[in-house]
Amino acid sequence: MPATSARAVRDDIQNALDYLLDADLCLATNPVDVVRTGRSRKGVPVERVRFISQVRDEAFLISHGHPGIDQYLAWVRAGSYSAVLFDGSLLQFTYDITTRGEVVGHRLAYMPCPYDIEPGLFAQESLLDAIDLYEGSEDILMRSQLRFDYDPEASSANHPAAHFTINSSHCRIACVAPIHVLRFLDFIFRHAYPTQRRFHSPFFAPAAWRHIGEPVLSDDNRSLPHLTWDVRSRMSSVT
């Protein structure tokens, strides 16, 4: 499998965000940056592909519990997101990649907007004003945050190197490999916005076959329910 680079991943993310914005599938995006963060366990320099936000890293989470409305509001007000989707939901993308082209970590998150915001309100109000209008409202949607994480250095029996988190921080479902940002976007739109995905199938169909990183599923997790997909490159028009 060919190596990647932080700049190649940055370009993939930026191109995807540009498409979502041009297609009116998102309301706002943040710039994508690459910064040096340290060294891998093997001593190789690591670069992080991240969104640029106003929040400091230490204020990224208001708690380590399951994210709720307060966390959503904190991220919106701090601009702590890669993109705000057309319904107010948030996307966050970060990747850690060595200068040798090895993916050593990622965090890809989808946080649904907790409010049932009236269609078209975002065209009349700013994002923050629209959210503020609904704060404390009873029009709440009970939808769980979805997250794909890759953290091989923290892997253990109950913490797969690549995993899908849903419902609570303890619900980690093992994944076959790290996931490419475009495959992640296809997953989100396939399951949360199927109508929009069908309309934009020329973008999402090939995105579903992008890959990044080698398979990492352990034998122990292979015997349990897990998420798997074809990790080979493939271009497909199947929707």
C-alpha atoms as a PDB file:
ATOM      1  CA  MET A   1       0.000   0.000   0.000  1.00  0.00           C
ATOM      2  CA  PRO A   2       1.552   3.368  -0.967  1.00  0.00           C
ATOM      3  CA  ALA A   3       2.449   5.799   1.809  1.00  0.00           C
ATOM      4  CA  THR A   4       0.522   9.010   2.213  1.00  0.00           C
ATOM      5  CA  SER A   5       1.578  12.379   3.646  1.00  0.00           C
ATOM      6  CA  ALA A   6       0.100  15.022   5.895  1.00  0.00           C
ATOM      7  CA  ARG A   7      -0.148  17.403   2.971  1.00  0.00           C
ATOM      8  CA  ALA A   8      -1.958  14.858   0.804  1.00  0.00           C
ATOM      9  CA  VAL A   9      -4.488  14.257   3.597  1.00  0.00           C
ATOM     10  CA  ARG A  10      -4.835  18.008   4.105  1.00  0.00           C
ATOM     11  CA  ASP A  11      -5.602  18.404   0.392  1.00  0.00           C
ATOM     12  CA  ASP A  12      -8.196  15.595   0.508  1.00  0.00           C
ATOM     13  CA  ILE A  13      -9.911  17.254   3.468  1.00  0.00           C
ATOM     14  CA  GLN A  14      -9.786  20.728   1.958  1.00  0.00           C
ATOM     15  CA  ASN A  15     -11.157  19.503  -1.385  1.00  0.00           C
ATOM     16  CA  ALA A  16     -13.994  17.679   0.394  1.00  0.00           C
ATOM     17  CA  LEU A  17     -14.865  20.757   2.458  1.00  0.00           C
ATOM     18  CA  ASP A  18     -14.825  22.915  -0.664  1.00  0.00           C
ATOM     19  CA  TYR A  19     -17.243  20.518  -2.348  1.00  0.00           C
ATOM     20  CA  LEU A  20     -19.621  20.431   0.638  1.00  0.00           C
ATOM     21  CA  LEU A  21     -19.618  24.229   0.786  1.00  0.00           C
ATOM     22  CA  ASP A  22     -20.149  24.721  -2.952  1.00  0.00           C
ATOM     23  CA  ALA A  23     -22.945  22.125  -2.942  1.00  0.00           C
ATOM     24  CA  ASP A  24     -24.750  23.842  -0.034  1.00  0.00           C
ATOM     25  CA  LEU A  25     -24.298  20.716   2.082  1.00  0.00           C
ATOM     26  CA  CYS A  26     -22.609  22.748   4.787  1.00  0.00           C
ATOM     27  CA  LEU A  27     -22.964  26.249   6.198  1.00  0.00           C
ATOM     28  CA  ALA A  28     -19.380  26.954   7.225  1.00  0.00           C
ATOM     29  CA  THR A  29     -15.916  25.410   7.261  1.00  0.00           C
ATOM     30  CA  ASN A  30     -12.662  26.113   9.040  1.00  0.00           C
ATOM     31  CA  PRO A  31      -9.209  26.191   7.405  1.00  0.00           C
ATOM     32  CA  VAL A  32      -7.151  22.986   7.396  1.00  0.00           C
ATOM     33  CA  ASP A  33      -3.656  23.203   8.868  1.00  0.00           C
ATOM     34  CA  VAL A  34      -0.607  20.945   9.295  1.00  0.00           C
ATOM     35  CA  VAL A  35       1.535  21.267  12.439  1.00  0.00           C
ATOM     36  CA  ARG A  36       4.437  19.253  13.876  1.00  0.00           C
ATOM     37  CA  THR A  37       3.329  17.544  17.103  1.00  0.00           C
ATOM     38  CA  GLY A  38       6.248  15.374  18.206  1.00  0.00           C
ATOM     39  CA  ARG A  39       7.533  11.899  17.386  1.00  0.00           C
ATOM     40  CA  SER A  40       6.002   8.463  17.016  1.00  0.00           C
ATOM     41  CA  ARG A  41       6.915   5.503  19.227  1.00  0.00           C
ATOM     42  CA  LYS A  42       9.563   4.666  16.613  1.00  0.00           C
ATOM     43  CA  GLY A  43      11.063   8.147  16.907  1.00  0.00           C
ATOM     44  CA  VAL A  44       9.748   9.429  13.558  1.00  0.00           C
ATOM     45  CA  PRO A  45       8.468  13.046  13.441  1.00  0.00           C
ATOM     46  CA  VAL A  46       4.669  13.285  13.415  1.00  0.00           C
ATOM     47  CA  GLU A  47       2.567  15.957  11.721  1.00  0.00           C
ATOM     48  CA  ARG A  48      -1.067  16.648  12.625  1.00  0.00           C
ATOM     49  CA  VAL A  49      -3.663  17.599  10.037  1.00  0.00           C
ATOM     50  CA  ARG A  50      -6.275  19.597  11.914  1.00  0.00           C
ATOM     51  CA  PHE A  51      -8.920  22.293  11.663  1.00  0.00           C
ATOM     52  CA  ILE A  52      -8.024  25.775  12.894  1.00  0.00           C
ATOM     53  CA  SER A  53     -10.296  26.830  15.729  1.00  0.00           C
ATOM     54  CA  GLN A  54     -10.390  29.579  18.339  1.00  0.00           C
ATOM     55  CA  VAL A  55     -10.353  27.073  21.196  1.00  0.00           C
ATOM     56  CA  ARG A  56      -7.127  25.949  22.881  1.00  0.00           C
ATOM     57  CA  ASP A  57      -6.365  22.236  22.869  1.00  0.00           C
ATOM     58  CA  GLU A  58      -6.802  21.935  26.628  1.00  0.00           C
ATOM     59  CA  ALA A  59     -10.329  23.371  26.367  1.00  0.00           C
ATOM     60  CA  PHE A  60     -11.341  20.988  23.569  1.00  0.00           C
ATOM     61  CA  LEU A  61     -13.577  18.864  25.826  1.00  0.00           C
ATOM     62  CA  ILE A  62     -15.643  20.370  28.615  1.00  0.00           C
ATOM     63  CA  SER A  63     -15.777  16.893  30.181  1.00  0.00           C
ATOM     64  CA  HIS A  64     -14.669  13.346  29.402  1.00  0.00           C
ATOM     65  CA  GLY A  65     -18.216  11.990  29.615  1.00  0.00           C
ATOM     66  CA  HIS A  66     -20.528  11.365  26.685  1.00  0.00           C
ATOM     67  CA  PRO A  67     -20.960  14.589  24.669  1.00  0.00           C
ATOM     68  CA  GLY A  68     -24.291  16.348  25.176  1.00  0.00           C
ATOM     69  CA  ILE A  69     -25.936  19.645  24.310  1.00  0.00           C
ATOM     70  CA  ASP A  70     -23.448  21.634  26.428  1.00  0.00           C
ATOM     71  CA  GLN A  71     -20.540  20.139  24.471  1.00  0.00           C
ATOM     72  CA  TYR A  72     -22.257  20.897  21.158  1.00  0.00           C
ATOM     73  CA  LEU A  73     -22.824  24.523  22.203  1.00  0.00           C
ATOM     74  CA  ALA A  74     -19.219  24.845  23.399  1.00  0.00           C
ATOM     75  CA  TRP A  75     -17.903  23.639  20.044  1.00  0.00           C
ATOM     76  CA  VAL A  76     -20.208  25.928  18.053  1.00  0.00           C
ATOM     77  CA  ARG A  77     -19.294  29.001  20.087  1.00  0.00           C
ATOM     78  CA  ALA A  78     -15.584  28.233  19.937  1.00  0.00           C
ATOM     79  CA  GLY A  79     -15.658  27.432  16.224  1.00  0.00           C
ATOM     80  CA  SER A  80     -14.249  24.005  17.114  1.00  0.00           C
ATOM     81  CA  TYR A  81     -15.179  22.106  13.966  1.00  0.00           C
ATOM     82  CA  SER A  82     -14.060  21.263  10.459  1.00  0.00           C
ATOM     83  CA  ALA A  83     -17.530  21.970   9.061  1.00  0.00           C
ATOM     84  CA  VAL A  84     -21.076  22.846  10.079  1.00  0.00           C
ATOM     85  CA  LEU A  85     -23.520  20.870   7.954  1.00  0.00           C
ATOM     86  CA  PHE A  86     -26.680  22.355   6.458  1.00  0.00           C
ATOM     87  CA  ASP A  87     -28.771  21.246   9.483  1.00  0.00           C
ATOM     88  CA  GLY A  88     -26.335  22.593  12.096  1.00  0.00           C
ATOM     89  CA  SER A  89     -24.555  19.281  12.757  1.00  0.00           C
ATOM     90  CA  LEU A  90     -20.775  19.362  13.238  1.00  0.00           C
ATOM     91  CA  LEU A  91     -17.899  17.472  11.622  1.00  0.00           C
ATOM     92  CA  GLN A  92     -14.379  17.273  13.054  1.00  0.00           C
ATOM     93  CA  PHE A  93     -11.363  15.793  11.246  1.00  0.00           C
ATOM     94  CA  THR A  94      -7.839  15.314  12.627  1.00  0.00           C
ATOM     95  CA  TYR A  95      -5.072  12.968  11.436  1.00  0.00           C
ATOM     96  CA  ASP A  96      -1.580  12.227  12.784  1.00  0.00           C
ATOM     97  CA  ILE A  97       0.893  11.147  10.106  1.00  0.00           C
ATOM     98  CA  THR A  98       4.624  10.534  10.302  1.00  0.00           C
ATOM     99  CA  THR A  99       7.021  12.156   7.886  1.00  0.00           C
ATOM    100  CA  ARG A 100       7.519   8.649   6.452  1.00  0.00           C
ATOM    101  CA  GLY A 101       3.858   8.560   5.420  1.00  0.00           C
ATOM    102  CA  GLU A 102       2.472   6.267   8.142  1.00  0.00           C
ATOM    103  CA  VAL A 103      -0.919   7.088   9.675  1.00  0.00           C
ATOM    104  CA  VAL A 104      -0.499   6.834  13.455  1.00  0.00           C
ATOM    105  CA  GLY A 105      -3.758   8.370  14.622  1.00  0.00           C
ATOM    106  CA  HIS A 106      -7.021  10.012  13.652  1.00  0.00           C
ATOM    107  CA  ARG A 107     -10.244  11.341  15.132  1.00  0.00           C
ATOM    108  CA  LEU A 108     -13.239  11.760  12.828  1.00  0.00           C
ATOM    109  CA  ALA A 109     -16.401  12.897  14.571  1.00  0.00           C
ATOM    110  CA  TYR A 110     -19.992  13.669  13.612  1.00  0.00           C
ATOM    111  CA  MET A 111     -22.058  15.505  16.223  1.00  0.00           C
ATOM    112  CA  PRO A 112     -25.696  15.898  15.157  1.00  0.00           C
ATOM    113  CA  CYS A 113     -27.386  19.185  15.927  1.00  0.00           C
ATOM    114  CA  PRO A 114     -29.482  18.562  19.058  1.00  0.00           C
ATOM    115  CA  TYR A 115     -32.218  20.959  17.932  1.00  0.00           C
ATOM    116  CA  ASP A 116     -34.918  20.523  15.305  1.00  0.00           C
ATOM    117  CA  ILE A 117     -34.153  23.840  13.645  1.00  0.00           C
ATOM    118  CA  GLU A 118     -36.696  25.203  11.201  1.00  0.00           C
ATOM    119  CA  PRO A 119     -35.544  24.752   7.595  1.00  0.00           C
ATOM    120  CA  GLY A 120     -34.388  28.025   6.111  1.00  0.00           C
ATOM    121  CA  LEU A 121     -33.601  29.715   9.438  1.00  0.00           C
ATOM    122  CA  PHE A 122     -29.879  29.555   8.737  1.00  0.00           C
ATOM    123  CA  ALA A 123     -30.503  31.685   5.646  1.00  0.00           C
ATOM    124  CA  GLN A 124     -32.005  34.409   7.848  1.00  0.00           C
ATOM    125  CA  GLU A 125     -29.808  34.238  10.953  1.00  0.00           C
ATOM    126  CA  SER A 126     -26.146  33.657  11.673  1.00  0.00           C
ATOM    127  CA  LEU A 127     -25.230  30.199  12.938  1.00  0.00           C
ATOM    128  CA  LEU A 128     -24.772  31.380  16.522  1.00  0.00           C
ATOM    129  CA  ASP A 129     -28.006  33.413  16.485  1.00  0.00           C
ATOM    130  CA  ALA A 130     -29.979  30.468  15.093  1.00  0.00           C
ATOM    131  CA  ILE A 131     -28.585  28.117  17.749  1.00  0.00           C
ATOM    132  CA  ASP A 132     -29.201  30.677  20.505  1.00  0.00           C
ATOM    133  CA  LEU A 133     -32.859  30.924  19.460  1.00  0.00           C
ATOM    134  CA  TYR A 134     -33.271  27.211  20.194  1.00  0.00           C
ATOM    135  CA  GLU A 135     -31.197  26.961  23.370  1.00  0.00           C
ATOM    136  CA  GLY A 136     -33.456  25.665  26.134  1.00  0.00           C
ATOM    137  CA  SER A 137     -36.145  24.699  23.629  1.00  0.00           C
ATOM    138  CA  GLU A 138     -38.132  21.464  23.767  1.00  0.00           C
ATOM    139  CA  ASP A 139     -37.439  20.785  20.078  1.00  0.00           C
ATOM    140  CA  ILE A 140     -34.600  18.388  20.913  1.00  0.00           C
ATOM    141  CA  LEU A 141     -33.491  15.508  18.708  1.00  0.00           C
ATOM    142  CA  MET A 142     -32.095  12.509  20.593  1.00  0.00           C
ATOM    143  CA  ARG A 143     -29.284  11.549  18.208  1.00  0.00           C
ATOM    144  CA  SER A 144     -25.940  10.091  19.178  1.00  0.00           C
ATOM    145  CA  GLN A 145     -22.540  11.404  18.218  1.00  0.00           C
ATOM    146  CA  LEU A 146     -20.605   9.063  15.902  1.00  0.00           C
ATOM    147  CA  ARG A 147     -16.820   8.863  15.943  1.00  0.00           C
ATOM    148  CA  PHE A 148     -14.095   6.875  14.198  1.00  0.00           C
ATOM    149  CA  ASP A 149     -10.830   6.845  16.135  1.00  0.00           C
ATOM    150  CA  TYR A 150      -7.437   5.368  15.401  1.00  0.00           C
ATOM    151  CA  ASP A 151      -4.984   5.241  18.313  1.00  0.00           C
ATOM    152  CA  PRO A 152      -2.649   2.230  18.046  1.00  0.00           C
ATOM    153  CA  GLU A 153      -0.465   3.330  20.963  1.00  0.00           C
ATOM    154  CA  ALA A 154      -3.477   3.138  23.319  1.00  0.00           C
ATOM    155  CA  SER A 155      -4.780  -0.194  22.003  1.00  0.00           C
ATOM    156  CA  SER A 156      -5.687  -2.926  24.480  1.00  0.00           C
ATOM    157  CA  ALA A 157      -8.183  -5.758  24.868  1.00  0.00           C
ATOM    158  CA  ASN A 158     -11.039  -3.288  25.418  1.00  0.00           C
ATOM    159  CA  HIS A 159      -9.646  -0.484  23.265  1.00  0.00           C
ATOM    160  CA  PRO A 160      -9.148  -1.601  19.636  1.00  0.00           C
ATOM    161  CA  ALA A 161      -6.521   0.336  17.692  1.00  0.00           C
ATOM    162  CA  ALA A 162      -9.169   1.430  15.155  1.00  0.00           C
ATOM    163  CA  HIS A 163     -12.683   1.719  16.518  1.00  0.00           C
ATOM    164  CA  PHE A 164     -16.131   3.214  16.020  1.00  0.00           C
ATOM    165  CA  THR A 165     -17.674   4.903  19.061  1.00  0.00           C
ATOM    166  CA  ILE A 166     -21.412   5.381  19.452  1.00  0.00           C
ATOM    167  CA  ASN A 167     -23.816   5.981  22.346  1.00  0.00           C
ATOM    168  CA  SER A 168     -21.138   6.161  25.076  1.00  0.00           C
ATOM    169  CA  SER A 169     -17.382   6.404  25.459  1.00  0.00           C
ATOM    170  CA  HIS A 170     -17.349   2.729  26.514  1.00  0.00           C
ATOM    171  CA  CYS A 171     -19.018   1.523  23.309  1.00  0.00           C
ATOM    172  CA  ARG A 172     -15.984   1.010  21.062  1.00  0.00           C
ATOM    173  CA  ILE A 173     -16.632  -1.275  18.093  1.00  0.00           C
ATOM    174  CA  ALA A 174     -13.463  -2.574  16.465  1.00  0.00           C
ATOM    175  CA  CYS A 175     -12.759  -1.527  12.861  1.00  0.00           C
ATOM    176  CA  VAL A 176     -10.657  -3.279  10.260  1.00  0.00           C
ATOM    177  CA  ALA A 177      -8.381  -0.279   9.607  1.00  0.00           C
ATOM    178  CA  PRO A 178      -8.025   3.473   9.874  1.00  0.00           C
ATOM    179  CA  ILE A 179     -10.663   5.210   7.775  1.00  0.00           C
ATOM    180  CA  HIS A 180     -10.162   7.739   4.992  1.00  0.00           C
ATOM    181  CA  VAL A 181     -11.923  11.074   5.470  1.00  0.00           C
ATOM    182  CA  LEU A 182     -13.891  10.626   2.233  1.00  0.00           C
ATOM    183  CA  ARG A 183     -15.076   7.153   3.242  1.00  0.00           C
ATOM    184  CA  PHE A 184     -16.092   8.667   6.588  1.00  0.00           C
ATOM    185  CA  LEU A 185     -18.118  11.362   4.822  1.00  0.00           C
ATOM    186  CA  ASP A 186     -19.806   8.753   2.663  1.00  0.00           C
ATOM    187  CA  PHE A 187     -20.679   6.770   5.811  1.00  0.00           C
ATOM    188  CA  ILE A 188     -22.239   9.825   7.475  1.00  0.00           C
ATOM    189  CA  PHE A 189     -24.266  10.904   4.460  1.00  0.00           C
ATOM    190  CA  ARG A 190     -25.256   7.330   3.584  1.00  0.00           C
ATOM    191  CA  HIS A 191     -26.819   6.824   7.014  1.00  0.00           C
ATOM    192  CA  ALA A 192     -27.851  10.330   8.120  1.00  0.00           C
ATOM    193  CA  TYR A 193     -28.643  12.112   4.838  1.00  0.00           C
ATOM    194  CA  PRO A 194     -29.483   9.479   2.194  1.00  0.00           C
ATOM    195  CA  THR A 195     -31.459  11.885  -0.009  1.00  0.00           C
ATOM    196  CA  GLN A 196     -28.564  14.338  -0.232  1.00  0.00           C
ATOM    197  CA  ARG A 197     -26.137  11.475  -0.834  1.00  0.00           C
ATOM    198  CA  ARG A 198     -28.174  10.178  -3.771  1.00  0.00           C
ATOM    199  CA  PHE A 199     -28.352  13.644  -5.293  1.00  0.00           C
ATOM    200  CA  HIS A 200     -24.557  14.014  -4.985  1.00  0.00           C
ATOM    201  CA  SER A 201     -23.659  10.418  -5.845  1.00  0.00           C
ATOM    202  CA  PRO A 202     -20.888  11.436  -8.319  1.00  0.00           C
ATOM    203  CA  PHE A 203     -18.991  12.756  -5.286  1.00  0.00           C
ATOM    204  CA  PHE A 204     -19.921  10.138  -2.693  1.00  0.00           C
ATOM    205  CA  ALA A 205     -19.744   6.939  -4.788  1.00  0.00           C
ATOM    206  CA  PRO A 206     -15.951   7.069  -5.408  1.00  0.00           C
ATOM    207  CA  ALA A 207     -15.440   8.481  -1.890  1.00  0.00           C
ATOM    208  CA  ALA A 208     -16.789   5.219  -0.467  1.00  0.00           C
ATOM    209  CA  TRP A 209     -13.785   3.341  -1.838  1.00  0.00           C
ATOM    210  CA  ARG A 210     -10.933   5.537  -0.596  1.00  0.00           C
ATOM    211  CA  HIS A 211      -8.586   3.967   1.950  1.00  0.00           C
ATOM    212  CA  ILE A 212      -5.762   5.030   4.241  1.00  0.00           C
ATOM    213  CA  GLY A 213      -3.503   2.824   6.327  1.00  0.00           C
ATOM    214  CA  GLU A 214      -3.059  -0.917   6.706  1.00  0.00           C
ATOM    215  CA  PRO A 215      -5.537  -3.384   8.299  1.00  0.00           C
ATOM    216  CA  VAL A 216      -5.119  -3.477  12.082  1.00  0.00           C
ATOM    217  CA  LEU A 217      -7.916  -5.776  13.283  1.00  0.00           C
ATOM    218  CA  SER A 218      -6.603  -8.126  15.973  1.00  0.00           C
ATOM    219  CA  ASP A 219      -7.484 -11.817  16.130  1.00  0.00           C
ATOM    220  CA  ASP A 220      -9.389 -11.247  19.385  1.00  0.00           C
ATOM    221  CA  ASN A 221     -11.562  -8.533  17.819  1.00  0.00           C
ATOM    222  CA  ARG A 222     -12.013 -10.540  14.612  1.00  0.00           C
ATOM    223  CA  SER A 223     -14.020 -13.101  16.599  1.00  0.00           C
ATOM    224  CA  LEU A 224     -16.371 -10.367  17.897  1.00  0.00           C
ATOM    225  CA  PRO A 225     -18.878  -8.187  16.006  1.00  0.00           C
ATOM    226  CA  HIS A 226     -16.840  -5.511  14.237  1.00  0.00           C
ATOM    227  CA  LEU A 227     -16.872  -3.114  11.272  1.00  0.00           C
ATOM    228  CA  THR A 228     -15.028  -4.185   8.157  1.00  0.00           C
ATOM    229  CA  TRP A 229     -14.699  -2.914   4.595  1.00  0.00           C
ATOM    230  CA  ASP A 230     -12.568  -3.402   1.523  1.00  0.00           C
ATOM    231  CA  VAL A 231      -9.285  -1.598   2.243  1.00  0.00           C
ATOM    232  CA  ARG A 232      -8.160  -1.710  -1.394  1.00  0.00           C
ATOM    233  CA  SER A 233      -8.496   1.271  -3.730  1.00  0.00           C
ATOM    234  CA  ARG A 234     -11.489   0.987  -5.993  1.00  0.00           C
ATOM    235  CA  MET A 235     -13.453   3.492  -8.025  1.00  0.00           C
ATOM    236  CA  SER A 236     -17.119   2.640  -8.270  1.00  0.00           C
ATOM    237  CA  SER A 237     -20.255   4.298  -9.609  1.00  0.00           C
ATOM    238  CA  VAL A 238     -22.490   2.074  -7.495  1.00  0.00           C
ATOM    239  CA  THR A 239     -24.717   4.118  -5.179  1.00  0.00           C
END
